[in-house]
């Protein structure tokens, strides 16, 4: 009985894992998923107006992340 329960738990875990992999590997969603990951970092948002110093500061704060995306694209790690 314990072995049957264990097999059922393994089957359920594999089914869950399969669903997660399928959900995260949908063609055409790469850009959307990148945006979701970016927005989870809670970057400052544009509130309107003219603020070149604020824009430059924001770009400097996020430059490392943009460079990471660029290097992944060059190496073929991310489809853009």
C-alpha atoms as a PDB file:
ATOM      1  CA  UNK A   1       0.000   0.000   0.000  1.00  0.00           C
ATOM      2  CA  UNK A   2       2.820   2.403   0.859  1.00  0.00           C
ATOM      3  CA  UNK A   3       4.530   1.625  -2.445  1.00  0.00           C
ATOM      4  CA  UNK A   4       1.340   2.382  -4.385  1.00  0.00           C
ATOM      5  CA  UNK A   5       0.992   5.695  -2.583  1.00  0.00           C
ATOM      6  CA  UNK A   6       4.608   6.503  -3.335  1.00  0.00           C
ATOM      7  CA  UNK A   7       4.103   5.679  -7.015  1.00  0.00           C
ATOM      8  CA  UNK A   8       1.014   7.887  -7.096  1.00  0.00           C
ATOM      9  CA  UNK A   9       2.942  10.731  -5.483  1.00  0.00           C
ATOM     10  CA  UNK A  10       5.757  10.326  -8.002  1.00  0.00           C
ATOM     11  CA  UNK A  11       3.272  10.309 -10.878  1.00  0.00           C
ATOM     12  CA  UNK A  12       1.596  13.454  -9.535  1.00  0.00           C
ATOM     13  CA  UNK A  13       4.947  15.208  -9.079  1.00  0.00           C
ATOM     14  CA  UNK A  14       5.997  14.308 -12.630  1.00  0.00           C
ATOM     15  CA  UNK A  15       2.694  15.580 -14.017  1.00  0.00           C
ATOM     16  CA  UNK A  16       3.117  18.854 -12.132  1.00  0.00           C
ATOM     17  CA  UNK A  17       6.683  19.216 -13.368  1.00  0.00           C
ATOM     18  CA  UNK A  18       5.588  18.497 -16.941  1.00  0.00           C
ATOM     19  CA  UNK A  19       2.935  21.222 -16.722  1.00  0.00           C
ATOM     20  CA  UNK A  20       5.435  23.741 -15.350  1.00  0.00           C
ATOM     21  CA  UNK A  21       7.971  23.006 -18.090  1.00  0.00           C
ATOM     22  CA  UNK A  22       5.280  23.187 -20.782  1.00  0.00           C
ATOM     23  CA  UNK A  23       3.962  26.475 -19.400  1.00  0.00           C
ATOM     24  CA  UNK A  24       7.406  28.060 -19.243  1.00  0.00           C
ATOM     25  CA  UNK A  25       8.452  26.791 -22.674  1.00  0.00           C
ATOM     26  CA  UNK A  26       5.736  28.255 -24.861  1.00  0.00           C
ATOM     27  CA  UNK A  27       7.026  29.489 -28.221  1.00  0.00           C
ATOM     28  CA  UNK A  28       6.568  33.201 -28.751  1.00  0.00           C
ATOM     29  CA  UNK A  29       6.397  34.040 -25.036  1.00  0.00           C
ATOM     30  CA  UNK A  30      10.109  34.711 -24.491  1.00  0.00           C
ATOM     31  CA  UNK A  31       9.706  38.477 -24.654  1.00  0.00           C
ATOM     32  CA  UNK A  32       6.676  38.425 -22.397  1.00  0.00           C
ATOM     33  CA  UNK A  33       8.487  36.264 -19.842  1.00  0.00           C
ATOM     34  CA  UNK A  34      11.525  38.581 -19.906  1.00  0.00           C
ATOM     35  CA  UNK A  35       9.238  41.534 -19.268  1.00  0.00           C
ATOM     36  CA  UNK A  36       7.566  39.710 -16.370  1.00  0.00           C
ATOM     37  CA  UNK A  37      10.956  38.965 -14.787  1.00  0.00           C
ATOM     38  CA  UNK A  38      12.013  42.583 -15.316  1.00  0.00           C
ATOM     39  CA  UNK A  39       8.831  43.960 -13.754  1.00  0.00           C
ATOM     40  CA  UNK A  40       9.227  41.677 -10.723  1.00  0.00           C
ATOM     41  CA  UNK A  41      12.325  43.736  -9.904  1.00  0.00           C
ATOM     42  CA  UNK A  42       9.971  46.718  -9.432  1.00  0.00           C
ATOM     43  CA  UNK A  43      11.918  49.263 -11.482  1.00  0.00           C
ATOM     44  CA  UNK A  44      11.004  52.941 -11.103  1.00  0.00           C
ATOM     45  CA  UNK A  45       8.238  53.942 -13.486  1.00  0.00           C
ATOM     46  CA  UNK A  46       7.937  56.970 -15.733  1.00  0.00           C
ATOM     47  CA  UNK A  47       5.498  59.470 -14.241  1.00  0.00           C
ATOM     48  CA  UNK A  48       5.597  61.988 -17.053  1.00  0.00           C
ATOM     49  CA  UNK A  49       7.321  65.292 -17.467  1.00  0.00           C
ATOM     50  CA  UNK A  50      10.827  66.266 -18.420  1.00  0.00           C
ATOM     51  CA  UNK A  51      13.575  64.762 -16.293  1.00  0.00           C
ATOM     52  CA  UNK A  52      16.701  63.875 -18.288  1.00  0.00           C
ATOM     53  CA  UNK A  53      18.772  63.488 -15.102  1.00  0.00           C
ATOM     54  CA  UNK A  54      16.276  60.988 -13.715  1.00  0.00           C
ATOM     55  CA  UNK A  55      16.263  59.078 -16.998  1.00  0.00           C
ATOM     56  CA  UNK A  56      20.068  58.940 -17.058  1.00  0.00           C
ATOM     57  CA  UNK A  57      20.161  57.748 -13.427  1.00  0.00           C
ATOM     58  CA  UNK A  58      17.592  55.036 -14.186  1.00  0.00           C
ATOM     59  CA  UNK A  59      19.609  53.865 -17.193  1.00  0.00           C
ATOM     60  CA  UNK A  60      22.810  53.712 -15.135  1.00  0.00           C
ATOM     61  CA  UNK A  61      21.054  51.686 -12.426  1.00  0.00           C
ATOM     62  CA  UNK A  62      19.761  49.159 -14.970  1.00  0.00           C
ATOM     63  CA  UNK A  63      22.718  49.101 -17.391  1.00  0.00           C
ATOM     64  CA  UNK A  64      24.118  45.870 -15.958  1.00  0.00           C
ATOM     65  CA  UNK A  65      20.834  44.068 -16.567  1.00  0.00           C
ATOM     66  CA  UNK A  66      20.625  45.382 -20.140  1.00  0.00           C
ATOM     67  CA  UNK A  67      24.205  44.235 -20.770  1.00  0.00           C
ATOM     68  CA  UNK A  68      23.307  40.775 -19.465  1.00  0.00           C
ATOM     69  CA  UNK A  69      20.370  40.551 -21.881  1.00  0.00           C
ATOM     70  CA  UNK A  70      22.584  41.719 -24.751  1.00  0.00           C
ATOM     71  CA  UNK A  71      25.290  39.155 -23.977  1.00  0.00           C
ATOM     72  CA  UNK A  72      22.709  36.369 -23.794  1.00  0.00           C
ATOM     73  CA  UNK A  73      21.353  37.416 -27.181  1.00  0.00           C
ATOM     74  CA  UNK A  74      24.845  37.462 -28.709  1.00  0.00           C
ATOM     75  CA  UNK A  75      25.706  34.045 -27.265  1.00  0.00           C
ATOM     76  CA  UNK A  76      22.403  32.629 -28.488  1.00  0.00           C
ATOM     77  CA  UNK A  77      21.124  31.940 -24.983  1.00  0.00           C
ATOM     78  CA  UNK A  78      17.989  34.026 -25.410  1.00  0.00           C
ATOM     79  CA  UNK A  79      15.835  34.266 -28.506  1.00  0.00           C
ATOM     80  CA  UNK A  80      14.857  37.880 -29.080  1.00  0.00           C
END
